[in-house]
PDB file of N, CA and C in Angstrom:
ATOM      1  N   UNK A   1     138.013 164.949 209.243  1.00  0.00           N
ATOM      2  CA  UNK A   1     138.864 163.889 209.736  1.00  0.00           C
ATOM      3  C   UNK A   1     139.596 164.421 210.953  1.00  0.00           C
ATOM      4  N   UNK A   2     139.514 163.691 212.025  1.00  0.00           N
ATOM      5  CA  UNK A   2     140.091 164.126 213.300  1.00  0.00           C
ATOM      6  C   UNK A   2     139.577 165.509 213.638  1.00  0.00           C
ATOM      7  N   UNK A   3     140.463 166.452 213.806  1.00  0.00           N
ATOM      8  CA  UNK A   3     140.087 167.823 214.171  1.00  0.00           C
ATOM      9  C   UNK A   3     140.287 168.775 213.003  1.00  0.00           C
ATOM     10  N   UNK A   4     140.235 168.243 211.767  1.00  0.00           N
ATOM     11  CA  UNK A   4     140.562 169.056 210.601  1.00  0.00           C
ATOM     12  C   UNK A   4     139.649 168.760 209.424  1.00  0.00           C
ATOM     13  N   UNK A   5     139.573 169.735 208.543  1.00  0.00           N
ATOM     14  CA  UNK A   5     138.984 169.550 207.222  1.00  0.00           C
ATOM     15  C   UNK A   5     140.127 169.711 206.231  1.00  0.00           C
ATOM     16  N   UNK A   6     140.263 168.747 205.336  1.00  0.00           N
ATOM     17  CA  UNK A   6     141.339 168.767 204.347  1.00  0.00           C
ATOM     18  C   UNK A   6     140.805 169.340 203.045  1.00  0.00           C
ATOM     19  N   UNK A   7     141.507 170.301 202.492  1.00  0.00           N
ATOM     20  CA  UNK A   7     141.129 170.970 201.258  1.00  0.00           C
ATOM     21  C   UNK A   7     142.128 170.573 200.178  1.00  0.00           C
ATOM     22  N   UNK A   8     141.629 169.950 199.118  1.00  0.00           N
ATOM     23  CA  UNK A   8     142.498 169.409 198.073  1.00  0.00           C
ATOM     24  C   UNK A   8     142.105 170.013 196.735  1.00  0.00           C
ATOM     25  N   UNK A   9     143.083 170.573 196.030  1.00  0.00           N
ATOM     26  CA  UNK A   9     142.860 171.105 194.695  1.00  0.00           C
ATOM     27  C   UNK A   9     142.350 172.529 194.707  1.00  0.00           C
ATOM     28  N   UNK A  10     142.410 173.144 193.534  1.00  0.00           N
ATOM     29  CA  UNK A  10     141.987 174.533 193.380  1.00  0.00           C
ATOM     30  C   UNK A  10     142.065 174.894 191.907  1.00  0.00           C
ATOM     31  N   UNK A  11     141.174 175.775 191.477  1.00  0.00           N
ATOM     32  CA  UNK A  11     141.366 176.318 190.133  1.00  0.00           C
ATOM     33  C   UNK A  11     142.400 177.433 190.225  1.00  0.00           C
ATOM     34  N   UNK A  12     142.329 178.250 191.277  1.00  0.00           N
ATOM     35  CA  UNK A  12     143.319 179.290 191.535  1.00  0.00           C
ATOM     36  C   UNK A  12     143.428 180.342 190.452  1.00  0.00           C
ATOM     37  N   UNK A  13     144.145 181.390 190.771  1.00  0.00           N
ATOM     38  CA  UNK A  13     144.443 182.425 189.779  1.00  0.00           C
ATOM     39  C   UNK A  13     145.572 181.925 188.892  1.00  0.00           C
ATOM     40  N   UNK A  14     145.515 182.179 187.593  1.00  0.00           N
ATOM     41  CA  UNK A  14     146.523 181.641 186.675  1.00  0.00           C
ATOM     42  C   UNK A  14     147.979 181.849 187.113  1.00  0.00           C
ATOM     43  N   UNK A  15     148.386 183.041 187.596  1.00  0.00           N
ATOM     44  CA  UNK A  15     149.801 183.187 187.963  1.00  0.00           C
ATOM     45  C   UNK A  15     150.221 182.328 189.168  1.00  0.00           C
ATOM     46  N   UNK A  16     149.239 181.901 189.975  1.00  0.00           N
ATOM     47  CA  UNK A  16     149.567 181.125 191.176  1.00  0.00           C
ATOM     48  C   UNK A  16     149.585 179.622 190.927  1.00  0.00           C
ATOM     49  N   UNK A  17     149.141 179.190 189.781  1.00  0.00           N
ATOM     50  CA  UNK A  17     149.081 177.753 189.484  1.00  0.00           C
ATOM     51  C   UNK A  17     150.471 177.152 189.345  1.00  0.00           C
ATOM     52  N   UNK A  18     150.603 175.931 189.848  1.00  0.00           N
ATOM     53  CA  UNK A  18     151.863 175.195 189.739  1.00  0.00           C
ATOM     54  C   UNK A  18     151.568 173.845 189.101  1.00  0.00           C
ATOM     55  N   UNK A  19     151.541 173.783 187.783  1.00  0.00           N
ATOM     56  CA  UNK A  19     151.230 172.514 187.118  1.00  0.00           C
ATOM     57  C   UNK A  19     152.115 171.383 187.629  1.00  0.00           C
ATOM     58  N   UNK A  20     151.508 170.233 187.839  1.00  0.00           N
ATOM     59  CA  UNK A  20     152.241 169.082 188.367  1.00  0.00           C
ATOM     60  C   UNK A  20     152.167 168.965 189.873  1.00  0.00           C
ATOM     61  N   UNK A  21     151.846 170.055 190.556  1.00  0.00           N
ATOM     62  CA  UNK A  21     151.719 170.070 192.019  1.00  0.00           C
ATOM     63  C   UNK A  21     150.241 169.983 192.376  1.00  0.00           C
ATOM     64  N   UNK A  22     149.911 169.248 193.419  1.00  0.00           N
ATOM     65  CA  UNK A  22     148.528 169.184 193.893  1.00  0.00           C
ATOM     66  C   UNK A  22     148.440 169.975 195.194  1.00  0.00           C
ATOM     67  N   UNK A  23     147.729 171.108 195.187  1.00  0.00           N
ATOM     68  CA  UNK A  23     147.637 171.897 196.406  1.00  0.00           C
ATOM     69  C   UNK A  23     146.772 171.209 197.465  1.00  0.00           C
ATOM     70  N   UNK A  24     147.274 171.187 198.693  1.00  0.00           N
ATOM     71  CA  UNK A  24     146.549 170.615 199.824  1.00  0.00           C
ATOM     72  C   UNK A  24     146.677 171.589 200.988  1.00  0.00           C
ATOM     73  N   UNK A  25     145.538 171.887 201.627  1.00  0.00           N
ATOM     74  CA  UNK A  25     145.525 172.727 202.823  1.00  0.00           C
ATOM     75  C   UNK A  25     144.773 171.993 203.912  1.00  0.00           C
ATOM     76  N   UNK A  26     145.018 172.411 205.143  1.00  0.00           N
ATOM     77  CA  UNK A  26     144.350 171.818 206.304  1.00  0.00           C
ATOM     78  C   UNK A  26     143.686 172.935 207.098  1.00  0.00           C
ATOM     79  N   UNK A  27     142.380 172.815 207.317  1.00  0.00           N
ATOM     80  CA  UNK A  27     141.638 173.741 208.159  1.00  0.00           C
ATOM     81  C   UNK A  27     141.508 173.098 209.529  1.00  0.00           C
ATOM     82  N   UNK A  28     142.157 173.689 210.526  1.00  0.00           N
ATOM     83  CA  UNK A  28     142.107 173.164 211.889  1.00  0.00           C
ATOM     84  C   UNK A  28     140.860 173.716 212.579  1.00  0.00           C
ATOM     85  N   UNK A  29     139.993 172.812 213.015  1.00  0.00           N
ATOM     86  CA  UNK A  29     138.720 173.224 213.579  1.00  0.00           C
ATOM     87  C   UNK A  29     138.842 173.863 214.958  1.00  0.00           C
ATOM     88  N   UNK A  30     139.900 173.567 215.694  1.00  0.00           N
ATOM     89  CA  UNK A  30     140.028 174.129 217.045  1.00  0.00           C
ATOM     90  C   UNK A  30     140.329 175.625 217.041  1.00  0.00           C
ATOM     91  N   UNK A  31     141.016 176.113 215.982  1.00  0.00           N
ATOM     92  CA  UNK A  31     141.344 177.545 215.949  1.00  0.00           C
ATOM     93  C   UNK A  31     141.014 178.188 214.597  1.00  0.00           C
ATOM     94  N   UNK A  32     140.408 177.439 213.667  1.00  0.00           N
ATOM     95  CA  UNK A  32     139.980 177.928 212.353  1.00  0.00           C
ATOM     96  C   UNK A  32     141.134 178.450 211.504  1.00  0.00           C
ATOM     97  N   UNK A  33     142.328 177.928 211.715  1.00  0.00           N
ATOM     98  CA  UNK A  33     143.478 178.303 210.893  1.00  0.00           C
ATOM     99  C   UNK A  33     143.565 177.390 209.682  1.00  0.00           C
ATOM    100  N   UNK A  34     143.850 177.996 208.539  1.00  0.00           N
ATOM    101  CA  UNK A  34     144.125 177.214 207.328  1.00  0.00           C
ATOM    102  C   UNK A  34     145.620 177.277 207.077  1.00  0.00           C
ATOM    103  N   UNK A  35     146.220 176.111 206.863  1.00  0.00           N
ATOM    104  CA  UNK A  35     147.656 176.067 206.612  1.00  0.00           C
ATOM    105  C   UNK A  35     147.940 175.174 205.417  1.00  0.00           C
ATOM    106  N   UNK A  36     148.905 175.558 204.591  1.00  0.00           N
ATOM    107  CA  UNK A  36     149.296 174.678 203.481  1.00  0.00           C
ATOM    108  C   UNK A  36     149.971 173.428 204.039  1.00  0.00           C
ATOM    109  N   UNK A  37     149.771 172.327 203.368  1.00  0.00           N
ATOM    110  CA  UNK A  37     150.359 171.055 203.792  1.00  0.00           C
ATOM    111  C   UNK A  37     151.591 170.780 202.943  1.00  0.00           C
ATOM    112  N   UNK A  38     152.700 170.509 203.607  1.00  0.00           N
ATOM    113  CA  UNK A  38     153.930 170.132 202.928  1.00  0.00           C
ATOM    114  C   UNK A  38     153.996 168.617 202.880  1.00  0.00           C
ATOM    115  N   UNK A  39     154.109 168.067 201.688  1.00  0.00           N
ATOM    116  CA  UNK A  39     154.159 166.622 201.537  1.00  0.00           C
ATOM    117  C   UNK A  39     155.480 166.080 202.053  1.00  0.00           C
ATOM    118  N   UNK A  40     155.459 164.834 202.502  1.00  0.00           N
ATOM    119  CA  UNK A  40     156.668 164.215 203.033  1.00  0.00           C
ATOM    120  C   UNK A  40     157.388 163.363 202.002  1.00  0.00           C
ATOM    121  N   UNK A  41     157.004 163.475 200.773  1.00  0.00           N
ATOM    122  CA  UNK A  41     157.652 162.715 199.702  1.00  0.00           C
ATOM    123  C   UNK A  41     157.406 163.420 198.388  1.00  0.00           C
ATOM    124  N   UNK A  42     157.528 162.676 197.310  1.00  0.00           N
ATOM    125  CA  UNK A  42     157.252 163.234 195.991  1.00  0.00           C
ATOM    126  C   UNK A  42     155.771 163.545 195.861  1.00  0.00           C
ATOM    127  N   UNK A  43     155.442 164.544 195.068  1.00  0.00           N
ATOM    128  CA  UNK A  43     154.042 164.864 194.814  1.00  0.00           C
ATOM    129  C   UNK A  43     153.558 163.979 193.676  1.00  0.00           C
ATOM    130  N   UNK A  44     153.093 162.795 194.034  1.00  0.00           N
ATOM    131  CA  UNK A  44     152.593 161.837 193.055  1.00  0.00           C
ATOM    132  C   UNK A  44     151.077 161.915 192.944  1.00  0.00           C
ATOM    133  N   UNK A  45     150.521 163.081 193.257  1.00  0.00           N
ATOM    134  CA  UNK A  45     149.086 163.281 193.191  1.00  0.00           C
ATOM    135  C   UNK A  45     148.627 163.576 191.782  1.00  0.00           C
ATOM    136  N   UNK A  46     147.384 164.001 191.650  1.00  0.00           N
ATOM    137  CA  UNK A  46     146.811 164.216 190.322  1.00  0.00           C
ATOM    138  C   UNK A  46     147.331 165.437 189.593  1.00  0.00           C
ATOM    139  N   UNK A  47     147.993 166.353 190.263  1.00  0.00           N
ATOM    140  CA  UNK A  47     148.421 167.602 189.641  1.00  0.00           C
ATOM    141  C   UNK A  47     147.482 168.721 190.042  1.00  0.00           C
ATOM    142  N   UNK A  48     147.513 169.840 189.318  1.00  0.00           N
ATOM    143  CA  UNK A  48     146.693 171.001 189.657  1.00  0.00           C
ATOM    144  C   UNK A  48     145.250 170.704 189.248  1.00  0.00           C
ATOM    145  N   UNK A  49     144.474 170.167 190.185  1.00  0.00           N
ATOM    146  CA  UNK A  49     143.157 169.605 189.891  1.00  0.00           C
ATOM    147  C   UNK A  49     142.033 170.501 190.401  1.00  0.00           C
ATOM    148  N   UNK A  50     140.908 170.465 189.673  1.00  0.00           N
ATOM    149  CA  UNK A  50     139.690 171.131 190.129  1.00  0.00           C
ATOM    150  C   UNK A  50     138.484 170.339 189.615  1.00  0.00           C
ATOM    151  N   UNK A  51     137.307 170.690 190.099  1.00  0.00           N
ATOM    152  CA  UNK A  51     136.042 170.037 189.716  1.00  0.00           C
ATOM    153  C   UNK A  51     136.062 168.529 189.982  1.00  0.00           C
ATOM    154  N   UNK A  52     136.790 168.095 190.985  1.00  0.00           N
ATOM    155  CA  UNK A  52     136.919 166.686 191.345  1.00  0.00           C
ATOM    156  C   UNK A  52     136.017 166.363 192.544  1.00  0.00           C
ATOM    157  N   UNK A  53     136.021 165.126 192.936  1.00  0.00           N
ATOM    158  CA  UNK A  53     135.303 164.680 194.130  1.00  0.00           C
ATOM    159  C   UNK A  53     136.310 164.041 195.075  1.00  0.00           C
ATOM    160  N   UNK A  54     136.076 164.281 196.358  1.00  0.00           N
ATOM    161  CA  UNK A  54     136.927 163.679 197.382  1.00  0.00           C
ATOM    162  C   UNK A  54     136.030 162.971 198.390  1.00  0.00           C
ATOM    163  N   UNK A  55     136.388 161.742 198.745  1.00  0.00           N
ATOM    164  CA  UNK A  55     135.619 160.971 199.710  1.00  0.00           C
ATOM    165  C   UNK A  55     136.561 160.324 200.717  1.00  0.00           C
ATOM    166  N   UNK A  56     136.073 160.206 201.926  1.00  0.00           N
ATOM    167  CA  UNK A  56     136.866 159.567 202.983  1.00  0.00           C
ATOM    168  C   UNK A  56     136.910 158.072 202.707  1.00  0.00           C
ATOM    169  N   UNK A  57     138.108 157.539 202.659  1.00  0.00           N
ATOM    170  CA  UNK A  57     138.322 156.130 202.359  1.00  0.00           C
ATOM    171  C   UNK A  57     138.550 155.329 203.637  1.00  0.00           C
ATOM    172  N   UNK A  58     139.255 155.928 204.597  1.00  0.00           N
ATOM    173  CA  UNK A  58     139.564 155.301 205.880  1.00  0.00           C
ATOM    174  C   UNK A  58     139.771 156.436 206.883  1.00  0.00           C
ATOM    175  N   UNK A  59     140.086 156.140 208.132  1.00  0.00           N
ATOM    176  CA  UNK A  59     140.284 157.233 209.099  1.00  0.00           C
ATOM    177  C   UNK A  59     141.371 158.239 208.712  1.00  0.00           C
ATOM    178  N   UNK A  60     142.282 157.863 207.810  1.00  0.00           N
ATOM    179  CA  UNK A  60     143.334 158.811 207.436  1.00  0.00           C
ATOM    180  C   UNK A  60     143.629 158.822 205.933  1.00  0.00           C
ATOM    181  N   UNK A  61     142.654 158.411 205.113  1.00  0.00           N
ATOM    182  CA  UNK A  61     142.859 158.435 203.663  1.00  0.00           C
ATOM    183  C   UNK A  61     141.669 159.088 202.953  1.00  0.00           C
ATOM    184  N   UNK A  62     141.987 159.883 201.924  1.00  0.00           N
ATOM    185  CA  UNK A  62     140.989 160.569 201.122  1.00  0.00           C
ATOM    186  C   UNK A  62     141.187 160.159 199.669  1.00  0.00           C
ATOM    187  N   UNK A  63     140.107 159.677 199.034  1.00  0.00           N
ATOM    188  CA  UNK A  63     140.166 159.296 197.621  1.00  0.00           C
ATOM    189  C   UNK A  63     139.719 160.485 196.773  1.00  0.00           C
ATOM    190  N   UNK A  64     140.498 160.801 195.744  1.00  0.00           N
ATOM    191  CA  UNK A  64     140.182 161.881 194.808  1.00  0.00           C
ATOM    192  C   UNK A  64     139.894 161.246 193.453  1.00  0.00           C
ATOM    193  N   UNK A  65     138.712 161.588 192.896  1.00  0.00           N
ATOM    194  CA  UNK A  65     138.308 161.024 191.610  1.00  0.00           C
ATOM    195  C   UNK A  65     137.799 162.127 190.690  1.00  0.00           C
ATOM    196  N   UNK A  66     137.895 161.875 189.391  1.00  0.00           N
ATOM    197  CA  UNK A  66     137.346 162.783 188.394  1.00  0.00           C
ATOM    198  C   UNK A  66     138.030 164.127 188.370  1.00  0.00           C
ATOM    199  N   UNK A  67     137.324 165.105 187.814  1.00  0.00           N
ATOM    200  CA  UNK A  67     137.829 166.470 187.756  1.00  0.00           C
ATOM    201  C   UNK A  67     138.687 166.737 186.538  1.00  0.00           C
ATOM    202  N   UNK A  68     139.228 167.937 186.528  1.00  0.00           N
ATOM    203  CA  UNK A  68     140.120 168.388 185.459  1.00  0.00           C
ATOM    204  C   UNK A  68     141.488 168.708 186.024  1.00  0.00           C
ATOM    205  N   UNK A  69     142.514 168.417 185.263  1.00  0.00           N
ATOM    206  CA  UNK A  69     143.884 168.744 185.645  1.00  0.00           C
ATOM    207  C   UNK A  69     144.381 169.841 184.710  1.00  0.00           C
ATOM    208  N   UNK A  70     144.852 170.942 185.287  1.00  0.00           N
ATOM    209  CA  UNK A  70     145.374 172.063 184.509  1.00  0.00           C
ATOM    210  C   UNK A  70     146.869 171.873 184.299  1.00  0.00           C
ATOM    211  N   UNK A  71     147.342 172.194 183.087  1.00  0.00           N
ATOM    212  CA  UNK A  71     148.730 171.905 182.759  1.00  0.00           C
ATOM    213  C   UNK A  71     149.556 173.130 182.395  1.00  0.00           C
ATOM    214  N   UNK A  72     149.052 174.327 182.649  1.00  0.00           N
ATOM    215  CA  UNK A  72     149.829 175.512 182.306  1.00  0.00           C
ATOM    216  C   UNK A  72     149.361 176.734 183.074  1.00  0.00           C
ATOM    217  N   UNK A  73     149.879 177.887 182.716  1.00  0.00           N
ATOM    218  CA  UNK A  73     149.565 179.154 183.362  1.00  0.00           C
ATOM    219  C   UNK A  73     148.800 180.054 182.398  1.00  0.00           C
ATOM    220  N   UNK A  74     147.927 180.919 182.946  1.00  0.00           N
ATOM    221  CA  UNK A  74     147.275 181.962 182.155  1.00  0.00           C
ATOM    222  C   UNK A  74     146.606 181.451 180.904  1.00  0.00           C
ATOM    223  N   UNK A  75     146.798 182.167 179.795  1.00  0.00           N
ATOM    224  CA  UNK A  75     146.178 181.792 178.535  1.00  0.00           C
ATOM    225  C   UNK A  75     146.753 180.487 177.978  1.00  0.00           C
ATOM    226  N   UNK A  76     147.873 180.089 178.502  1.00  0.00           N
ATOM    227  CA  UNK A  76     148.516 178.860 178.034  1.00  0.00           C
ATOM    228  C   UNK A  76     147.911 177.630 178.697  1.00  0.00           C
ATOM    229  N   UNK A  77     146.975 177.832 179.610  1.00  0.00           N
ATOM    230  CA  UNK A  77     146.445 176.721 180.385  1.00  0.00           C
ATOM    231  C   UNK A  77     145.670 175.751 179.503  1.00  0.00           C
ATOM    232  N   UNK A  78     146.037 174.503 179.590  1.00  0.00           N
ATOM    233  CA  UNK A  78     145.288 173.426 178.958  1.00  0.00           C
ATOM    234  C   UNK A  78     144.747 172.550 180.081  1.00  0.00           C
ATOM    235  N   UNK A  79     143.653 171.898 179.837  1.00  0.00           N
ATOM    236  CA  UNK A  79     143.122 171.001 180.860  1.00  0.00           C
ATOM    237  C   UNK A  79     142.789 169.671 180.213  1.00  0.00           C
ATOM    238  N   UNK A  80     142.863 168.638 181.036  1.00  0.00           N
ATOM    239  CA  UNK A  80     142.453 167.326 180.564  1.00  0.00           C
ATOM    240  C   UNK A  80     141.737 166.615 181.708  1.00  0.00           C
ATOM    241  N   UNK A  81     140.857 165.682 181.398  1.00  0.00           N
ATOM    242  CA  UNK A  81     140.122 164.990 182.459  1.00  0.00           C
ATOM    243  C   UNK A  81     141.041 164.068 183.248  1.00  0.00           C
ATOM    244  N   UNK A  82     140.841 164.058 184.556  1.00  0.00           N
ATOM    245  CA  UNK A  82     141.567 163.145 185.424  1.00  0.00           C
ATOM    246  C   UNK A  82     140.903 161.780 185.329  1.00  0.00           C
ATOM    247  N   UNK A  83     141.617 160.782 184.848  1.00  0.00           N
ATOM    248  CA  UNK A  83     141.058 159.439 184.670  1.00  0.00           C
ATOM    249  C   UNK A  83     141.612 158.431 185.666  1.00  0.00           C
ATOM    250  N   UNK A  84     142.470 158.891 186.567  1.00  0.00           N
ATOM    251  CA  UNK A  84     143.070 158.014 187.577  1.00  0.00           C
ATOM    252  C   UNK A  84     142.562 158.415 188.952  1.00  0.00           C
ATOM    253  N   UNK A  85     142.229 157.443 189.785  1.00  0.00           N
ATOM    254  CA  UNK A  85     141.877 157.724 191.174  1.00  0.00           C
ATOM    255  C   UNK A  85     143.162 157.816 191.991  1.00  0.00           C
ATOM    256  N   UNK A  86     143.196 158.776 192.911  1.00  0.00           N
ATOM    257  CA  UNK A  86     144.350 158.977 193.782  1.00  0.00           C
ATOM    258  C   UNK A  86     143.894 158.933 195.232  1.00  0.00           C
ATOM    259  N   UNK A  87     144.820 158.556 196.119  1.00  0.00           N
ATOM    260  CA  UNK A  87     144.532 158.533 197.554  1.00  0.00           C
ATOM    261  C   UNK A  87     145.563 159.394 198.264  1.00  0.00           C
ATOM    262  N   UNK A  88     145.067 160.320 199.104  1.00  0.00           N
ATOM    263  CA  UNK A  88     145.949 161.141 199.926  1.00  0.00           C
ATOM    264  C   UNK A  88     145.904 160.593 201.344  1.00  0.00           C
ATOM    265  N   UNK A  89     147.071 160.272 201.885  1.00  0.00           N
ATOM    266  CA  UNK A  89     147.204 159.746 203.244  1.00  0.00           C
ATOM    267  C   UNK A  89     147.495 160.915 204.178  1.00  0.00           C
ATOM    268  N   UNK A  90     146.517 161.272 205.021  1.00  0.00           N
ATOM    269  CA  UNK A  90     146.675 162.423 205.912  1.00  0.00           C
ATOM    270  C   UNK A  90     147.626 162.141 207.075  1.00  0.00           C
ATOM    271  N   UNK A  91     147.903 160.886 207.325  1.00  0.00           N
ATOM    272  CA  UNK A  91     148.833 160.519 208.398  1.00  0.00           C
ATOM    273  C   UNK A  91     150.285 160.632 207.928  1.00  0.00           C
ATOM    274  N   UNK A  92     150.548 160.171 206.701  1.00  0.00           N
ATOM    275  CA  UNK A  92     151.906 160.178 206.163  1.00  0.00           C
ATOM    276  C   UNK A  92     152.148 161.322 205.182  1.00  0.00           C
ATOM    277  N   UNK A  93     151.100 162.133 204.918  1.00  0.00           N
ATOM    278  CA  UNK A  93     151.202 163.288 204.014  1.00  0.00           C
ATOM    279  C   UNK A  93     151.807 162.896 202.677  1.00  0.00           C
ATOM    280  N   UNK A  94     151.203 161.875 202.075  1.00  0.00           N
ATOM    281  CA  UNK A  94     151.714 161.344 200.815  1.00  0.00           C
ATOM    282  C   UNK A  94     150.567 160.912 199.911  1.00  0.00           C
ATOM    283  N   UNK A  95     150.816 160.936 198.609  1.00  0.00           N
ATOM    284  CA  UNK A  95     149.865 160.509 197.588  1.00  0.00           C
ATOM    285  C   UNK A  95     150.232 159.124 197.078  1.00  0.00           C
ATOM    286  N   UNK A  96     149.223 158.416 196.580  1.00  0.00           N
ATOM    287  CA  UNK A  96     149.451 157.178 195.840  1.00  0.00           C
ATOM    288  C   UNK A  96     148.295 156.998 194.861  1.00  0.00           C
ATOM    289  N   UNK A  97     148.542 156.300 193.779  1.00  0.00           N
ATOM    290  CA  UNK A  97     147.468 155.963 192.852  1.00  0.00           C
ATOM    291  C   UNK A  97     146.608 154.894 193.521  1.00  0.00           C
ATOM    292  N   UNK A  98     145.307 154.976 193.318  1.00  0.00           N
ATOM    293  CA  UNK A  98     144.395 154.008 193.942  1.00  0.00           C
ATOM    294  C   UNK A  98     144.342 152.719 193.150  1.00  0.00           C
TER     295      UNK A  98
END
């Protein structure tokens, strides 16, 4: 999208997981820098998600479907299937349920 590739979700290392937060990074194609994205509102995304699918919905929206949401750290980690579709707005840096 535009001059970037958006990276959403991660399984990550257990100590780095933040249940309830949805990690988003931006890979800028002009200089190949990856930077974490700071949301401009509440994190109303799917949570710490992996094994999901992301598709371009519009010039500035990405739909996230399926996958697993992790709810804890380390051995305490539980996962459940994501049953809600979410949309990330790359222009306003915000999530909404689809």
